PDB file of N, CA and C in Angstrom:
ATOM      1  N   UNK A   1       0.972  -1.238   0.073  1.00  0.00           N
ATOM      2  CA  UNK A   1       0.163   0.056   0.112  1.00  0.00           C
ATOM      3  C   UNK A   1       0.859   1.108  -0.159  1.00  0.00           C
ATOM      4  N   UNK A   2       2.012   1.418   0.588  1.00  0.00           N
ATOM      5  CA  UNK A   2       3.061   2.439   0.849  1.00  0.00           C
ATOM      6  C   UNK A   2       3.406   2.555  -0.453  1.00  0.00           C
ATOM      7  N   UNK A   3       3.770   1.349  -1.297  1.00  0.00           N
ATOM      8  CA  UNK A   3       4.255   2.071  -2.873  1.00  0.00           C
ATOM      9  C   UNK A   3       3.151   2.614  -3.681  1.00  0.00           C
ATOM     10  N   UNK A   4       1.953   2.239  -3.556  1.00  0.00           N
ATOM     11  CA  UNK A   4       0.926   3.046  -4.359  1.00  0.00           C
ATOM     12  C   UNK A   4       0.662   4.302  -3.834  1.00  0.00           C
ATOM     13  N   UNK A   5       0.885   4.361  -2.826  1.00  0.00           N
ATOM     14  CA  UNK A   5       0.906   6.069  -2.040  1.00  0.00           C
ATOM     15  C   UNK A   5       2.328   6.652  -2.633  1.00  0.00           C
ATOM     16  N   UNK A   6       3.459   6.248  -2.612  1.00  0.00           N
ATOM     17  CA  UNK A   6       4.655   6.986  -3.059  1.00  0.00           C
ATOM     18  C   UNK A   6       4.409   6.930  -4.638  1.00  0.00           C
ATOM     19  N   UNK A   7       3.854   6.156  -5.410  1.00  0.00           N
ATOM     20  CA  UNK A   7       3.554   6.346  -6.682  1.00  0.00           C
ATOM     21  C   UNK A   7       2.536   7.507  -6.983  1.00  0.00           C
ATOM     22  N   UNK A   8       1.084   7.521  -6.136  1.00  0.00           N
ATOM     23  CA  UNK A   8       0.521   8.515  -6.329  1.00  0.00           C
ATOM     24  C   UNK A   8       1.289  10.452  -5.879  1.00  0.00           C
ATOM     25  N   UNK A   9       2.134  10.237  -5.021  1.00  0.00           N
ATOM     26  CA  UNK A   9       2.845  11.424  -4.824  1.00  0.00           C
ATOM     27  C   UNK A   9       3.600  11.857  -5.921  1.00  0.00           C
ATOM     28  N   UNK A  10       4.427  10.513  -6.379  1.00  0.00           N
ATOM     29  CA  UNK A  10       5.254  11.153  -7.533  1.00  0.00           C
ATOM     30  C   UNK A  10       4.069  11.618  -8.732  1.00  0.00           C
ATOM     31  N   UNK A  11       3.351  10.971  -8.954  1.00  0.00           N
ATOM     32  CA  UNK A  11       2.600  11.510  -9.940  1.00  0.00           C
ATOM     33  C   UNK A  11       1.976  12.784  -9.858  1.00  0.00           C
ATOM     34  N   UNK A  12       1.579  13.122  -8.724  1.00  0.00           N
ATOM     35  CA  UNK A  12       1.519  14.694  -8.168  1.00  0.00           C
ATOM     36  C   UNK A  12       2.545  15.747  -8.398  1.00  0.00           C
ATOM     37  N   UNK A  13       3.600  15.101  -8.150  1.00  0.00           N
ATOM     38  CA  UNK A  13       4.658  15.935  -8.096  1.00  0.00           C
ATOM     39  C   UNK A  13       5.297  16.515  -9.667  1.00  0.00           C
ATOM     40  N   UNK A  14       4.851  15.347 -10.649  1.00  0.00           N
ATOM     41  CA  UNK A  14       5.103  15.417 -12.218  1.00  0.00           C
ATOM     42  C   UNK A  14       4.063  16.269 -12.609  1.00  0.00           C
ATOM     43  N   UNK A  15       3.085  16.372 -12.246  1.00  0.00           N
ATOM     44  CA  UNK A  15       1.995  17.164 -12.567  1.00  0.00           C
ATOM     45  C   UNK A  15       2.231  18.514 -12.416  1.00  0.00           C
ATOM     46  N   UNK A  16       2.498  18.691 -10.961  1.00  0.00           N
ATOM     47  CA  UNK A  16       2.972  19.832 -10.301  1.00  0.00           C
ATOM     48  C   UNK A  16       4.184  20.812 -11.452  1.00  0.00           C
ATOM     49  N   UNK A  17       4.980  19.792 -11.678  1.00  0.00           N
ATOM     50  CA  UNK A  17       6.137  20.320 -12.529  1.00  0.00           C
ATOM     51  C   UNK A  17       5.887  20.447 -13.764  1.00  0.00           C
ATOM     52  N   UNK A  18       4.494  20.127 -14.440  1.00  0.00           N
ATOM     53  CA  UNK A  18       4.033  20.247 -15.549  1.00  0.00           C
ATOM     54  C   UNK A  18       4.410  18.992 -16.379  1.00  0.00           C
ATOM     55  N   UNK A  19       5.099  18.122 -16.152  1.00  0.00           N
ATOM     56  CA  UNK A  19       5.596  17.089 -16.691  1.00  0.00           C
ATOM     57  C   UNK A  19       4.272  16.118 -17.509  1.00  0.00           C
ATOM     58  N   UNK A  20       3.286  16.105 -16.768  1.00  0.00           N
ATOM     59  CA  UNK A  20       1.990  15.360 -17.099  1.00  0.00           C
ATOM     60  C   UNK A  20       1.074  16.092 -17.191  1.00  0.00           C
ATOM     61  N   UNK A  21      -0.067  16.121 -18.101  1.00  0.00           N
ATOM     62  CA  UNK A  21      -1.252  16.974 -17.982  1.00  0.00           C
ATOM     63  C   UNK A  21      -2.104  16.158 -17.123  1.00  0.00           C
ATOM     64  N   UNK A  22      -3.325  16.834 -16.937  1.00  0.00           N
ATOM     65  CA  UNK A  22      -4.372  16.347 -15.717  1.00  0.00           C
ATOM     66  C   UNK A  22      -5.340  15.031 -16.245  1.00  0.00           C
ATOM     67  N   UNK A  23      -5.168  15.059 -17.537  1.00  0.00           N
ATOM     68  CA  UNK A  23      -5.949  13.804 -18.079  1.00  0.00           C
ATOM     69  C   UNK A  23      -5.107  12.912 -17.786  1.00  0.00           C
ATOM     70  N   UNK A  24      -3.503  12.951 -18.106  1.00  0.00           N
ATOM     71  CA  UNK A  24      -2.752  11.812 -17.909  1.00  0.00           C
ATOM     72  C   UNK A  24      -2.672  11.209 -16.498  1.00  0.00           C
ATOM     73  N   UNK A  25      -2.721  11.947 -15.586  1.00  0.00           N
ATOM     74  CA  UNK A  25      -2.476  12.293 -14.476  1.00  0.00           C
ATOM     75  C   UNK A  25      -3.769  11.033 -13.732  1.00  0.00           C
ATOM     76  N   UNK A  26      -5.144  11.896 -14.170  1.00  0.00           N
ATOM     77  CA  UNK A  26      -6.194  10.932 -13.681  1.00  0.00           C
ATOM     78  C   UNK A  26      -6.217   9.584 -14.340  1.00  0.00           C
ATOM     79  N   UNK A  27      -5.775   9.197 -15.453  1.00  0.00           N
ATOM     80  CA  UNK A  27      -5.620   7.937 -15.947  1.00  0.00           C
ATOM     81  C   UNK A  27      -4.594   7.104 -15.138  1.00  0.00           C
ATOM     82  N   UNK A  28      -3.578   7.624 -14.771  1.00  0.00           N
ATOM     83  CA  UNK A  28      -2.119   7.003 -13.940  1.00  0.00           C
ATOM     84  C   UNK A  28      -2.903   6.616 -12.600  1.00  0.00           C
ATOM     85  N   UNK A  29      -3.474   7.537 -12.225  1.00  0.00           N
ATOM     86  CA  UNK A  29      -4.295   7.337 -10.714  1.00  0.00           C
ATOM     87  C   UNK A  29      -5.300   6.046 -10.672  1.00  0.00           C
ATOM     88  N   UNK A  30      -6.093   6.166 -12.137  1.00  0.00           N
ATOM     89  CA  UNK A  30      -7.354   5.614 -11.966  1.00  0.00           C
ATOM     90  C   UNK A  30      -6.734   3.913 -12.227  1.00  0.00           C
ATOM     91  N   UNK A  31      -5.522   3.654 -12.897  1.00  0.00           N
ATOM     92  CA  UNK A  31      -4.628   2.571 -13.169  1.00  0.00           C
ATOM     93  C   UNK A  31      -4.155   2.123 -11.959  1.00  0.00           C
ATOM     94  N   UNK A  32      -3.916   3.028 -11.238  1.00  0.00           N
ATOM     95  CA  UNK A  32      -3.082   2.395  -9.729  1.00  0.00           C
ATOM     96  C   UNK A  32      -4.179   2.159  -8.692  1.00  0.00           C
ATOM     97  N   UNK A  33      -5.364   2.851  -8.799  1.00  0.00           N
ATOM     98  CA  UNK A  33      -6.492   2.270  -8.127  1.00  0.00           C
ATOM     99  C   UNK A  33      -7.088   1.300  -8.174  1.00  0.00           C
ATOM    100  N   UNK A  34      -6.933   0.761  -9.660  1.00  0.00           N
ATOM    101  CA  UNK A  34      -7.619  -0.512 -10.101  1.00  0.00           C
ATOM    102  C   UNK A  34      -7.030  -1.641  -9.938  1.00  0.00           C
ATOM    103  N   UNK A  35      -5.460  -1.404  -9.361  1.00  0.00           N
ATOM    104  CA  UNK A  35      -4.812  -2.474  -8.695  1.00  0.00           C
ATOM    105  C   UNK A  35      -4.980  -2.917  -7.355  1.00  0.00           C
ATOM    106  N   UNK A  36      -5.536  -1.954  -6.617  1.00  0.00           N
ATOM    107  CA  UNK A  36      -5.465  -2.190  -5.527  1.00  0.00           C
ATOM    108  C   UNK A  36      -6.899  -2.981  -5.396  1.00  0.00           C
ATOM    109  N   UNK A  37      -6.450  -4.277  -4.464  1.00  0.00           N
ATOM    110  CA  UNK A  37      -8.112  -5.300  -4.282  1.00  0.00           C
ATOM    111  C   UNK A  37      -9.036  -4.392  -3.306  1.00  0.00           C
ATOM    112  N   UNK A  38     -10.269  -5.073  -3.735  1.00  0.00           N
ATOM    113  CA  UNK A  38     -11.412  -4.455  -2.878  1.00  0.00           C
ATOM    114  C   UNK A  38     -10.832  -5.165  -1.060  1.00  0.00           C
ATOM    115  N   UNK A  39     -11.405  -4.639  -0.529  1.00  0.00           N
ATOM    116  CA  UNK A  39     -11.108  -4.877   1.230  1.00  0.00           C
ATOM    117  C   UNK A  39     -11.922  -6.752   1.094  1.00  0.00           C
ATOM    118  N   UNK A  40     -13.298  -6.568   0.460  1.00  0.00           N
ATOM    119  CA  UNK A  40     -14.112  -7.863   0.773  1.00  0.00           C
ATOM    120  C   UNK A  40     -13.212  -8.768  -0.256  1.00  0.00           C
ATOM    121  N   UNK A  41     -12.367  -8.810  -0.934  1.00  0.00           N
ATOM    122  CA  UNK A  41     -11.856  -9.942  -1.463  1.00  0.00           C
ATOM    123  C   UNK A  41     -10.661 -10.438  -0.759  1.00  0.00           C
ATOM    124  N   UNK A  42      -9.764  -9.232  -0.240  1.00  0.00           N
ATOM    125  CA  UNK A  42      -8.637  -9.364   1.014  1.00  0.00           C
ATOM    126  C   UNK A  42      -9.122 -10.460   2.294  1.00  0.00           C
ATOM    127  N   UNK A  43     -10.349  -9.893   2.590  1.00  0.00           N
ATOM    128  CA  UNK A  43     -10.612 -10.964   3.560  1.00  0.00           C
ATOM    129  C   UNK A  43     -11.121 -11.910   3.258  1.00  0.00           C
ATOM    130  N   UNK A  44     -11.759 -12.335   2.084  1.00  0.00           N
ATOM    131  CA  UNK A  44     -12.243 -13.568   1.500  1.00  0.00           C
ATOM    132  C   UNK A  44     -10.924 -14.329   1.297  1.00  0.00           C
ATOM    133  N   UNK A  45      -9.835 -13.721   0.820  1.00  0.00           N
ATOM    134  CA  UNK A  45      -8.512 -14.907   0.786  1.00  0.00           C
ATOM    135  C   UNK A  45      -7.901 -14.965   2.409  1.00  0.00           C
ATOM    136  N   UNK A  46      -7.957 -14.120   3.087  1.00  0.00           N
ATOM    137  CA  UNK A  46      -7.263 -14.674   4.375  1.00  0.00           C
ATOM    138  C   UNK A  46      -8.289 -15.516   5.423  1.00  0.00           C
ATOM    139  N   UNK A  47      -9.697 -15.472   5.219  1.00  0.00           N
ATOM    140  CA  UNK A  47     -10.520 -16.510   5.674  1.00  0.00           C
ATOM    141  C   UNK A  47      -9.758 -17.755   4.809  1.00  0.00           C
ATOM    142  N   UNK A  48      -9.799 -17.996   3.676  1.00  0.00           N
ATOM    143  CA  UNK A  48      -9.660 -19.070   2.994  1.00  0.00           C
ATOM    144  C   UNK A  48      -8.555 -19.599   3.519  1.00  0.00           C
ATOM    145  N   UNK A  49      -7.341 -18.904   3.489  1.00  0.00           N
ATOM    146  CA  UNK A  49      -6.405 -19.501   3.743  1.00  0.00           C
ATOM    147  C   UNK A  49      -6.180 -19.798   5.546  1.00  0.00           C
ATOM    148  N   UNK A  50      -6.786 -19.296   6.447  1.00  0.00           N
ATOM    149  CA  UNK A  50      -6.643 -19.631   7.828  1.00  0.00           C
ATOM    150  C   UNK A  50      -7.464 -20.962   8.055  1.00  0.00           C
ATOM    151  N   UNK A  51      -6.714 -21.737   8.796  1.00  0.00           N
ATOM    152  CA  UNK A  51      -7.733 -22.811   9.244  1.00  0.00           C
ATOM    153  C   UNK A  51      -8.424 -22.569  10.284  1.00  0.00           C
ATOM    154  N   UNK A  52      -9.596 -23.285   9.772  1.00  0.00           N
ATOM    155  CA  UNK A  52     -10.877 -23.177  10.845  1.00  0.00           C
ATOM    156  C   UNK A  52     -10.697 -23.342  12.455  1.00  0.00           C
ATOM    157  N   UNK A  53     -10.817 -22.225  13.226  1.00  0.00           N
ATOM    158  CA  UNK A  53     -10.861 -22.831  14.725  1.00  0.00           C
ATOM    159  C   UNK A  53     -11.764 -23.635  15.245  1.00  0.00           C
ATOM    160  N   UNK A  54     -11.756 -24.687  16.035  1.00  0.00           N
ATOM    161  CA  UNK A  54     -13.074 -25.402  16.448  1.00  0.00           C
ATOM    162  C   UNK A  54     -12.698 -25.266  17.880  1.00  0.00           C
ATOM    163  N   UNK A  55     -14.059 -25.084  18.585  1.00  0.00           N
ATOM    164  CA  UNK A  55     -14.041 -24.677  19.508  1.00  0.00           C
ATOM    165  C   UNK A  55     -13.463 -26.212  20.627  1.00  0.00           C
ATOM    166  N   UNK A  56     -12.667 -25.539  21.839  1.00  0.00           N
ATOM    167  CA  UNK A  56     -12.174 -26.732  22.494  1.00  0.00           C
ATOM    168  C   UNK A  56     -12.984 -27.391  23.471  1.00  0.00           C
ATOM    169  N   UNK A  57     -13.904 -26.810  24.005  1.00  0.00           N
ATOM    170  CA  UNK A  57     -14.921 -27.675  24.901  1.00  0.00           C
ATOM    171  C   UNK A  57     -14.290 -27.291  26.327  1.00  0.00           C
ATOM    172  N   UNK A  58     -13.513 -26.750  26.580  1.00  0.00           N
ATOM    173  CA  UNK A  58     -13.059 -26.271  27.937  1.00  0.00           C
ATOM    174  C   UNK A  58     -13.936 -25.358  28.719  1.00  0.00           C
ATOM    175  N   UNK A  59     -14.637 -24.847  28.210  1.00  0.00           N
ATOM    176  CA  UNK A  59     -15.310 -23.986  29.073  1.00  0.00           C
ATOM    177  C   UNK A  59     -16.112 -24.343  30.229  1.00  0.00           C
ATOM    178  N   UNK A  60     -16.925 -25.627  29.675  1.00  0.00           N
ATOM    179  CA  UNK A  60     -17.752 -26.178  30.511  1.00  0.00           C
ATOM    180  C   UNK A  60     -17.472 -26.166  31.987  1.00  0.00           C
ATOM    181  N   UNK A  61     -16.164 -26.922  31.978  1.00  0.00           N
ATOM    182  CA  UNK A  61     -16.009 -27.024  33.342  1.00  0.00           C
ATOM    183  C   UNK A  61     -14.824 -26.009  34.024  1.00  0.00           C
ATOM    184  N   UNK A  62     -14.509 -24.915  33.542  1.00  0.00           N
ATOM    185  CA  UNK A  62     -14.182 -23.756  33.631  1.00  0.00           C
ATOM    186  C   UNK A  62     -15.124 -23.051  34.121  1.00  0.00           C
ATOM    187  N   UNK A  63     -16.271 -22.527  33.589  1.00  0.00           N
ATOM    188  CA  UNK A  63     -17.493 -21.870  34.115  1.00  0.00           C
ATOM    189  C   UNK A  63     -18.366 -22.826  35.140  1.00  0.00           C
ATOM    190  N   UNK A  64     -18.310 -23.985  35.455  1.00  0.00           N
ATOM    191  CA  UNK A  64     -18.761 -24.027  36.755  1.00  0.00           C
ATOM    192  C   UNK A  64     -17.885 -24.123  38.074  1.00  0.00           C
ATOM    193  N   UNK A  65     -16.580 -24.252  37.737  1.00  0.00           N
ATOM    194  CA  UNK A  65     -15.580 -23.933  38.851  1.00  0.00           C
ATOM    195  C   UNK A  65     -15.500 -22.483  39.008  1.00  0.00           C
ATOM    196  N   UNK A  66     -15.623 -21.265  38.042  1.00  0.00           N
ATOM    197  CA  UNK A  66     -15.846 -20.365  38.572  1.00  0.00           C
ATOM    198  C   UNK A  66     -17.090 -19.445  39.214  1.00  0.00           C
ATOM    199  N   UNK A  67     -18.179 -20.379  39.287  1.00  0.00           N
ATOM    200  CA  UNK A  67     -19.682 -20.150  39.494  1.00  0.00           C
ATOM    201  C   UNK A  67     -19.292 -20.505  40.684  1.00  0.00           C
ATOM    202  N   UNK A  68     -18.837 -21.620  41.202  1.00  0.00           N
ATOM    203  CA  UNK A  68     -18.427 -22.218  42.397  1.00  0.00           C
ATOM    204  C   UNK A  68     -17.352 -21.401  43.496  1.00  0.00           C
ATOM    205  N   UNK A  69     -16.516 -20.960  42.637  1.00  0.00           N
ATOM    206  CA  UNK A  69     -15.236 -19.900  43.649  1.00  0.00           C
ATOM    207  C   UNK A  69     -16.251 -18.732  43.851  1.00  0.00           C
ATOM    208  N   UNK A  70     -16.755 -17.998  42.822  1.00  0.00           N
ATOM    209  CA  UNK A  70     -17.987 -16.832  43.225  1.00  0.00           C
ATOM    210  C   UNK A  70     -18.681 -17.387  44.400  1.00  0.00           C
ATOM    211  N   UNK A  71     -19.535 -17.881  44.286  1.00  0.00           N
ATOM    212  CA  UNK A  71     -20.437 -18.594  45.381  1.00  0.00           C
ATOM    213  C   UNK A  71     -19.713 -18.844  46.625  1.00  0.00           C
ATOM    214  N   UNK A  72     -18.870 -19.512  46.834  1.00  0.00           N
ATOM    215  CA  UNK A  72     -17.874 -19.727  47.990  1.00  0.00           C
ATOM    216  C   UNK A  72     -17.297 -18.246  48.257  1.00  0.00           C
ATOM    217  N   UNK A  73     -16.788 -17.528  47.714  1.00  0.00           N
ATOM    218  CA  UNK A  73     -16.309 -16.269  47.976  1.00  0.00           C
ATOM    219  C   UNK A  73     -17.442 -15.460  48.651  1.00  0.00           C
ATOM    220  N   UNK A  74     -18.432 -15.041  47.922  1.00  0.00           N
ATOM    221  CA  UNK A  74     -19.591 -14.445  48.423  1.00  0.00           C
ATOM    222  C   UNK A  74     -20.162 -14.796  49.706  1.00  0.00           C
ATOM    223  N   UNK A  75     -20.506 -16.107  49.699  1.00  0.00           N
ATOM    224  CA  UNK A  75     -20.857 -16.778  50.859  1.00  0.00           C
ATOM    225  C   UNK A  75     -20.196 -16.770  52.117  1.00  0.00           C
ATOM    226  N   UNK A  76     -18.767 -17.279  51.953  1.00  0.00           N
ATOM    227  CA  UNK A  76     -17.792 -17.001  53.319  1.00  0.00           C
ATOM    228  C   UNK A  76     -17.778 -15.632  53.598  1.00  0.00           C
ATOM    229  N   UNK A  77     -17.650 -14.489  52.651  1.00  0.00           N
ATOM    230  CA  UNK A  77     -17.856 -12.944  53.244  1.00  0.00           C
ATOM    231  C   UNK A  77     -18.938 -12.427  53.990  1.00  0.00           C
ATOM    232  N   UNK A  78     -19.861 -13.184  53.422  1.00  0.00           N
ATOM    233  CA  UNK A  78     -21.320 -12.737  53.950  1.00  0.00           C
ATOM    234  C   UNK A  78     -21.760 -13.183  55.298  1.00  0.00           C
ATOM    235  N   UNK A  79     -20.906 -14.729  55.472  1.00  0.00           N
ATOM    236  CA  UNK A  79     -21.268 -15.301  56.735  1.00  0.00           C
ATOM    237  C   UNK A  79     -20.040 -14.786  57.822  1.00  0.00           C
ATOM    238  N   UNK A  80     -18.723 -14.364  57.225  1.00  0.00           N
ATOM    239  CA  UNK A  80     -17.926 -13.747  58.187  1.00  0.00           C
ATOM    240  C   UNK A  80     -18.166 -12.198  58.750  1.00  0.00           C
ATOM    241  N   UNK A  81     -18.366 -11.553  57.702  1.00  0.00           N
ATOM    242  CA  UNK A  81     -18.931 -10.103  58.046  1.00  0.00           C
ATOM    243  C   UNK A  81     -19.879  -9.670  58.140  1.00  0.00           C
ATOM    244  N   UNK A  82     -20.925 -10.191  57.516  1.00  0.00           N
ATOM    245  CA  UNK A  82     -22.349  -9.848  57.738  1.00  0.00           C
ATOM    246  C   UNK A  82     -22.698  -8.922  56.880  1.00  0.00           C
ATOM    247  N   UNK A  83     -21.618  -8.285  55.892  1.00  0.00           N
ATOM    248  CA  UNK A  83     -21.564  -7.312  55.254  1.00  0.00           C
ATOM    249  C   UNK A  83     -21.957  -7.411  53.774  1.00  0.00           C
ATOM    250  N   UNK A  84     -23.139  -7.393  53.245  1.00  0.00           N
ATOM    251  CA  UNK A  84     -23.654  -7.307  52.034  1.00  0.00           C
ATOM    252  C   UNK A  84     -22.958  -6.915  50.826  1.00  0.00           C
ATOM    253  N   UNK A  85     -22.457  -5.347  51.131  1.00  0.00           N
ATOM    254  CA  UNK A  85     -21.827  -4.920  49.932  1.00  0.00           C
ATOM    255  C   UNK A  85     -20.308  -5.251  49.987  1.00  0.00           C
ATOM    256  N   UNK A  86     -19.712  -5.318  50.748  1.00  0.00           N
ATOM    257  CA  UNK A  86     -18.475  -6.126  51.021  1.00  0.00           C
ATOM    258  C   UNK A  86     -18.352  -7.437  49.704  1.00  0.00           C
ATOM    259  N   UNK A  87     -19.541  -8.132  50.379  1.00  0.00           N
ATOM    260  CA  UNK A  87     -19.511  -9.561  49.840  1.00  0.00           C
ATOM    261  C   UNK A  87     -19.840  -9.390  48.026  1.00  0.00           C
ATOM    262  N   UNK A  88     -20.606  -8.390  47.994  1.00  0.00           N
ATOM    263  CA  UNK A  88     -21.012  -8.167  46.364  1.00  0.00           C
ATOM    264  C   UNK A  88     -19.654  -7.740  45.780  1.00  0.00           C
ATOM    265  N   UNK A  89     -18.854  -6.814  46.488  1.00  0.00           N
ATOM    266  CA  UNK A  89     -17.602  -6.548  46.112  1.00  0.00           C
ATOM    267  C   UNK A  89     -16.335  -7.352  45.473  1.00  0.00           C
ATOM    268  N   UNK A  90     -16.350  -7.977  46.576  1.00  0.00           N
ATOM    269  CA  UNK A  90     -15.751  -9.372  46.348  1.00  0.00           C
ATOM    270  C   UNK A  90     -16.044 -10.105  45.117  1.00  0.00           C
ATOM    271  N   UNK A  91     -17.171 -10.311  44.824  1.00  0.00           N
ATOM    272  CA  UNK A  91     -17.943 -11.245  43.999  1.00  0.00           C
ATOM    273  C   UNK A  91     -17.629 -10.872  42.669  1.00  0.00           C
ATOM    274  N   UNK A  92     -17.659  -9.288  42.639  1.00  0.00           N
ATOM    275  CA  UNK A  92     -17.572  -8.710  41.094  1.00  0.00           C
ATOM    276  C   UNK A  92     -15.732  -8.904  40.870  1.00  0.00           C
ATOM    277  N   UNK A  93     -15.149  -8.708  41.933  1.00  0.00           N
ATOM    278  CA  UNK A  93     -13.882  -8.562  41.929  1.00  0.00           C
ATOM    279  C   UNK A  93     -13.518  -9.970  41.330  1.00  0.00           C
ATOM    280  N   UNK A  94     -14.020 -10.903  41.860  1.00  0.00           N
ATOM    281  CA  UNK A  94     -13.627 -12.434  41.367  1.00  0.00           C
ATOM    282  C   UNK A  94     -14.019 -12.719  40.111  1.00  0.00           C
ATOM    283  N   UNK A  95     -15.260 -12.405  40.003  1.00  0.00           N
ATOM    284  CA  UNK A  95     -16.039 -12.555  38.448  1.00  0.00           C
ATOM    285  C   UNK A  95     -15.139 -11.634  37.264  1.00  0.00           C
ATOM    286  N   UNK A  96     -14.512 -10.550  37.477  1.00  0.00           N
ATOM    287  CA  UNK A  96     -13.815 -10.016  37.081  1.00  0.00           C
ATOM    288  C   UNK A  96     -12.359 -11.010  36.448  1.00  0.00           C
ATOM    289  N   UNK A  97     -11.970 -11.129  37.608  1.00  0.00           N
ATOM    290  CA  UNK A  97     -10.633 -11.997  37.476  1.00  0.00           C
ATOM    291  C   UNK A  97     -11.084 -13.315  36.534  1.00  0.00           C
ATOM    292  N   UNK A  98     -11.921 -13.889  37.156  1.00  0.00           N
ATOM    293  CA  UNK A  98     -12.380 -15.517  36.134  1.00  0.00           C
ATOM    294  C   UNK A  98     -12.605 -15.004  34.762  1.00  0.00           C
ATOM    295  N   UNK A  99     -13.205 -13.732  34.173  1.00  0.00           N
ATOM    296  CA  UNK A  99     -13.777 -13.443  32.986  1.00  0.00           C
ATOM    297  C   UNK A  99     -12.386 -13.221  32.137  1.00  0.00           C
ATOM    298  N   UNK A 100     -11.642 -12.608  32.851  1.00  0.00           N
ATOM    299  CA  UNK A 100     -10.084 -12.431  32.411  1.00  0.00           C
ATOM    300  C   UNK A 100      -9.528 -13.868  31.572  1.00  0.00           C
ATOM    301  N   UNK A 101      -9.617 -14.791  32.950  1.00  0.00           N
ATOM    302  CA  UNK A 101      -8.878 -16.330  32.670  1.00  0.00           C
ATOM    303  C   UNK A 101      -9.643 -16.686  31.251  1.00  0.00           C
ATOM    304  N   UNK A 102     -10.797 -16.786  31.527  1.00  0.00           N
ATOM    305  CA  UNK A 102     -11.603 -17.195  30.239  1.00  0.00           C
ATOM    306  C   UNK A 102     -11.282 -16.699  28.966  1.00  0.00           C
ATOM    307  N   UNK A 103     -11.380 -15.412  28.716  1.00  0.00           N
ATOM    308  CA  UNK A 103     -10.884 -14.716  27.586  1.00  0.00           C
ATOM    309  C   UNK A 103      -9.551 -15.208  27.158  1.00  0.00           C
ATOM    310  N   UNK A 104      -8.552 -15.252  28.236  1.00  0.00           N
ATOM    311  CA  UNK A 104      -7.262 -15.993  27.879  1.00  0.00           C
ATOM    312  C   UNK A 104      -7.093 -17.382  27.327  1.00  0.00           C
ATOM    313  N   UNK A 105      -8.330 -18.414  27.940  1.00  0.00           N
ATOM    314  CA  UNK A 105      -8.268 -19.439  27.104  1.00  0.00           C
ATOM    315  C   UNK A 105      -9.131 -19.437  25.950  1.00  0.00           C
ATOM    316  N   UNK A 106      -9.793 -18.541  25.570  1.00  0.00           N
ATOM    317  CA  UNK A 106     -10.380 -18.274  24.454  1.00  0.00           C
ATOM    318  C   UNK A 106      -9.134 -17.765  23.325  1.00  0.00           C
ATOM    319  N   UNK A 107      -8.265 -17.227  23.776  1.00  0.00           N
ATOM    320  CA  UNK A 107      -6.974 -16.692  23.021  1.00  0.00           C
ATOM    321  C   UNK A 107      -5.919 -17.902  22.589  1.00  0.00           C
ATOM    322  N   UNK A 108      -5.813 -18.855  23.775  1.00  0.00           N
ATOM    323  CA  UNK A 108      -4.784 -19.767  23.614  1.00  0.00           C
ATOM    324  C   UNK A 108      -5.304 -21.003  22.843  1.00  0.00           C
TER     325      UNK A 108
END
């Protein structure tokens, strides 16, 4: 893409110097733009080359573990302190950490 931009700048400079007229400039730019593939074609080619990802099925046990840990943290905090706000804050913090862990599993 940078090469095409360099060619356009070169053509504009040549036009500014008077080496080519406006018609030739437009024709040369049109030829350059036609050589650039459409974004849809690039996406289709990249998708065709990439191997399809299959779900690994690791989320079921991990999700159950997350729910168990979340319930355990919230219940223990509520029983020990009696403070519902503290229990919910801890639950949300643990839930955020577990969400990050699930997304890391998804990336790997």
